[in-house]
Each structure stands twice: as structure tokens, then as C-alpha cells.
Amino acid sequence: MPKFELKNYVTDHFIETGTQAGKGCASAIAAGFKRVSSIEVYPQTFEAAKSNLDIFQDCFGLEINLHLGDSED
């Protein structure tokens, strides 16, 4: 099975559910997305992801929107 390459699917906005530690968001940024949104249901995991991704927003001025909540809402 061929490896999935996110860079082949870059659009204006990357959206995911289940932020976890922020690896998906970081991968989207590395692939070339300039705007990233993600939602995480667990407060501790949300805070960890926010901490991990702050550097991208602070240093590179990218638009990163992290939301604490349930994607069903």
C-alpha cells in the first residue's frame, strides 16, 4: 500500500477532529496548509496540543484554531 502524502491534498484549510497532541496539525503545517482547525474533547489533551502548537502560531504567524469540545456539537 502506498504511503499517504498529505502534501498532495493541500487546500486553503485543514480541518480535523481529535487533535490529540497536535501531530496531525503539525503534519498539515509541514505539508503546506496555512490555516489549520482542530477540535479535541479532552481538556488535558487540548491543553497539551495548544502548548505543542503555539510555536507555529507565534513564530510563523499561521492561523491555528484549536477548539475544546465535541465535534458532534
N, C-alpha and C. Protein backbone atom coordinates (compact mmCIF):
# COMPACT_ATOMS: atom_id res chain seq x y z
N MET A 1 0.84 -1.17 0.00
CA MET A 1 0.00 0.00 0.00
C MET A 1 0.89 1.25 0.00
N PRO A 2 0.62 2.20 -0.89
CA PRO A 2 1.45 3.41 -0.95
C PRO A 2 1.26 4.29 0.28
N LYS A 3 2.31 5.01 0.63
CA LYS A 3 2.28 5.91 1.78
C LYS A 3 1.39 7.11 1.47
N PHE A 4 0.56 7.50 2.44
CA PHE A 4 -0.31 8.66 2.30
C PHE A 4 0.53 9.94 2.40
N GLU A 5 0.42 10.79 1.41
CA GLU A 5 1.17 12.05 1.39
C GLU A 5 0.19 13.21 1.50
N LEU A 6 0.13 13.83 2.67
CA LEU A 6 -0.79 14.93 2.90
C LEU A 6 -0.52 16.11 1.96
N LYS A 7 0.73 16.30 1.59
CA LYS A 7 1.08 17.42 0.71
C LYS A 7 0.37 17.34 -0.65
N ASN A 8 -0.10 16.17 -1.02
CA ASN A 8 -0.84 16.02 -2.29
C ASN A 8 -2.26 16.53 -2.19
N TYR A 9 -2.71 16.92 -1.00
CA TYR A 9 -4.09 17.32 -0.77
C TYR A 9 -4.21 18.71 -0.14
N VAL A 10 -3.18 19.53 -0.26
CA VAL A 10 -3.19 20.85 0.36
C VAL A 10 -4.26 21.73 -0.28
N THR A 11 -5.09 22.33 0.59
CA THR A 11 -6.10 23.30 0.18
C THR A 11 -5.92 24.53 1.07
N ASP A 12 -6.92 25.38 1.10
CA ASP A 12 -6.84 26.58 1.93
C ASP A 12 -6.91 26.29 3.43
N HIS A 13 -7.55 25.18 3.80
CA HIS A 13 -7.86 24.97 5.21
C HIS A 13 -7.84 23.49 5.55
N PHE A 14 -7.09 23.12 6.57
CA PHE A 14 -7.05 21.75 7.09
C PHE A 14 -7.94 21.70 8.32
N ILE A 15 -8.87 20.74 8.34
CA ILE A 15 -9.79 20.58 9.47
C ILE A 15 -9.73 19.13 9.93
N GLU A 16 -9.61 18.94 11.25
CA GLU A 16 -9.61 17.59 11.79
C GLU A 16 -10.38 17.54 13.09
N THR A 17 -10.81 16.35 13.45
CA THR A 17 -11.39 16.11 14.77
C THR A 17 -10.47 15.14 15.49
N GLY A 18 -10.28 15.38 16.78
CA GLY A 18 -9.36 14.54 17.54
C GLY A 18 -7.95 15.07 17.45
N THR A 19 -7.69 16.21 18.06
CA THR A 19 -6.38 16.87 18.00
C THR A 19 -5.27 16.04 18.61
N GLN A 20 -5.58 15.36 19.69
CA GLN A 20 -4.59 14.62 20.48
C GLN A 20 -3.44 15.55 20.83
N ALA A 21 -2.19 15.19 20.58
CA ALA A 21 -1.05 16.03 20.94
C ALA A 21 -0.73 17.09 19.89
N GLY A 22 -1.45 17.10 18.77
CA GLY A 22 -1.24 18.10 17.74
C GLY A 22 -0.43 17.62 16.55
N LYS A 23 -0.12 16.33 16.50
CA LYS A 23 0.71 15.80 15.42
C LYS A 23 0.06 15.97 14.04
N GLY A 24 -1.26 15.77 13.96
CA GLY A 24 -1.96 15.95 12.69
C GLY A 24 -1.88 17.39 12.21
N CYS A 25 -2.05 18.33 13.14
CA CYS A 25 -1.94 19.75 12.80
C CYS A 25 -0.52 20.09 12.35
N ALA A 26 0.46 19.59 13.06
CA ALA A 26 1.86 19.83 12.70
C ALA A 26 2.17 19.25 11.32
N SER A 27 1.62 18.08 11.04
CA SER A 27 1.82 17.47 9.72
C SER A 27 1.18 18.31 8.63
N ALA A 28 0.01 18.87 8.91
CA ALA A 28 -0.67 19.72 7.94
C ALA A 28 0.15 20.99 7.67
N ILE A 29 0.71 21.56 8.71
CA ILE A 29 1.56 22.75 8.55
C ILE A 29 2.78 22.41 7.71
N ALA A 30 3.41 21.28 8.01
CA ALA A 30 4.60 20.86 7.25
C ALA A 30 4.26 20.59 5.79
N ALA A 31 3.02 20.13 5.53
CA ALA A 31 2.60 19.84 4.16
C ALA A 31 2.32 21.11 3.36
N GLY A 32 2.08 22.24 4.07
CA GLY A 32 1.85 23.50 3.37
C GLY A 32 0.53 24.19 3.65
N PHE A 33 -0.29 23.64 4.53
CA PHE A 33 -1.53 24.31 4.89
C PHE A 33 -1.19 25.57 5.68
N LYS A 34 -1.88 26.67 5.41
CA LYS A 34 -1.64 27.94 6.11
C LYS A 34 -2.70 28.20 7.17
N ARG A 35 -3.79 27.46 7.10
CA ARG A 35 -4.88 27.60 8.07
C ARG A 35 -5.26 26.21 8.56
N VAL A 36 -5.27 26.03 9.89
CA VAL A 36 -5.50 24.72 10.48
C VAL A 36 -6.52 24.85 11.61
N SER A 37 -7.51 23.97 11.62
CA SER A 37 -8.50 23.92 12.69
C SER A 37 -8.65 22.49 13.19
N SER A 38 -8.81 22.36 14.50
CA SER A 38 -8.97 21.03 15.08
C SER A 38 -9.79 21.14 16.35
N ILE A 39 -10.52 20.09 16.66
CA ILE A 39 -11.32 20.05 17.88
C ILE A 39 -10.94 18.82 18.70
N GLU A 40 -10.83 19.04 20.00
CA GLU A 40 -10.46 17.96 20.93
C GLU A 40 -11.43 17.96 22.10
N VAL A 41 -11.90 16.79 22.47
CA VAL A 41 -12.92 16.66 23.51
C VAL A 41 -12.34 16.64 24.93
N TYR A 42 -11.09 16.23 25.08
CA TYR A 42 -10.50 16.08 26.41
C TYR A 42 -9.66 17.31 26.78
N PRO A 43 -9.99 17.98 27.89
CA PRO A 43 -9.29 19.21 28.28
C PRO A 43 -7.78 19.06 28.44
N GLN A 44 -7.30 17.99 29.06
CA GLN A 44 -5.84 17.82 29.24
C GLN A 44 -5.13 17.67 27.89
N THR A 45 -5.73 16.90 27.02
CA THR A 45 -5.14 16.69 25.69
C THR A 45 -5.18 17.98 24.89
N PHE A 46 -6.29 18.72 25.00
CA PHE A 46 -6.42 20.02 24.34
C PHE A 46 -5.29 20.96 24.76
N GLU A 47 -5.05 21.05 26.07
CA GLU A 47 -4.00 21.94 26.59
C GLU A 47 -2.61 21.51 26.11
N ALA A 48 -2.36 20.21 26.04
CA ALA A 48 -1.08 19.71 25.54
C ALA A 48 -0.89 20.09 24.07
N ALA A 49 -1.93 19.92 23.28
CA ALA A 49 -1.85 20.26 21.85
C ALA A 49 -1.62 21.76 21.69
N LYS A 50 -2.35 22.55 22.46
CA LYS A 50 -2.19 24.01 22.38
C LYS A 50 -0.75 24.40 22.68
N SER A 51 -0.20 23.81 23.72
CA SER A 51 1.19 24.09 24.08
C SER A 51 2.15 23.66 22.97
N ASN A 52 1.92 22.50 22.40
CA ASN A 52 2.79 21.98 21.34
C ASN A 52 2.72 22.81 20.07
N LEU A 53 1.57 23.42 19.79
CA LEU A 53 1.38 24.12 18.51
C LEU A 53 1.58 25.63 18.62
N ASP A 54 1.70 26.17 19.82
CA ASP A 54 1.87 27.61 19.99
C ASP A 54 3.06 28.16 19.20
N ILE A 55 4.13 27.40 19.12
CA ILE A 55 5.33 27.88 18.42
C ILE A 55 5.06 28.16 16.94
N PHE A 56 4.22 27.36 16.32
CA PHE A 56 3.91 27.58 14.90
C PHE A 56 3.18 28.90 14.71
N GLN A 57 2.26 29.17 15.61
CA GLN A 57 1.49 30.41 15.52
C GLN A 57 2.36 31.61 15.89
N ASP A 58 3.12 31.47 16.96
CA ASP A 58 3.95 32.58 17.43
C ASP A 58 5.09 32.92 16.47
N CYS A 59 5.77 31.91 15.95
CA CYS A 59 6.95 32.14 15.13
C CYS A 59 6.65 32.34 13.64
N PHE A 60 5.62 31.68 13.16
CA PHE A 60 5.37 31.70 11.72
C PHE A 60 4.08 32.43 11.34
N GLY A 61 3.31 32.88 12.31
CA GLY A 61 2.11 33.64 12.04
C GLY A 61 1.02 32.86 11.32
N LEU A 62 1.02 31.54 11.50
CA LEU A 62 0.00 30.72 10.86
C LEU A 62 -1.30 30.81 11.64
N GLU A 63 -2.41 30.59 10.96
CA GLU A 63 -3.71 30.60 11.62
C GLU A 63 -4.03 29.19 12.11
N ILE A 64 -3.95 29.01 13.42
CA ILE A 64 -4.23 27.71 14.03
C ILE A 64 -5.38 27.91 15.02
N ASN A 65 -6.48 27.23 14.75
CA ASN A 65 -7.68 27.34 15.60
C ASN A 65 -7.93 26.01 16.26
N LEU A 66 -7.68 25.96 17.56
CA LEU A 66 -7.95 24.75 18.33
C LEU A 66 -9.20 24.99 19.17
N HIS A 67 -10.06 24.00 19.20
CA HIS A 67 -11.32 24.12 19.91
C HIS A 67 -11.45 22.97 20.91
N LEU A 68 -11.91 23.31 22.09
CA LEU A 68 -12.21 22.32 23.11
C LEU A 68 -13.69 22.01 23.04
N GLY A 69 -14.03 20.77 22.71
CA GLY A 69 -15.43 20.39 22.62
C GLY A 69 -15.60 19.10 21.86
N ASP A 70 -16.85 18.79 21.61
CA ASP A 70 -17.22 17.56 20.90
C ASP A 70 -17.57 17.93 19.46
N SER A 71 -17.04 17.21 18.51
CA SER A 71 -17.31 17.53 17.10
C SER A 71 -18.76 17.30 16.70
N GLU A 72 -19.51 16.60 17.52
CA GLU A 72 -20.94 16.43 17.26
C GLU A 72 -21.74 17.69 17.55
N ASP A 73 -21.18 18.57 18.39
CA ASP A 73 -21.91 19.79 18.80
C ASP A 73 -21.86 20.87 17.75
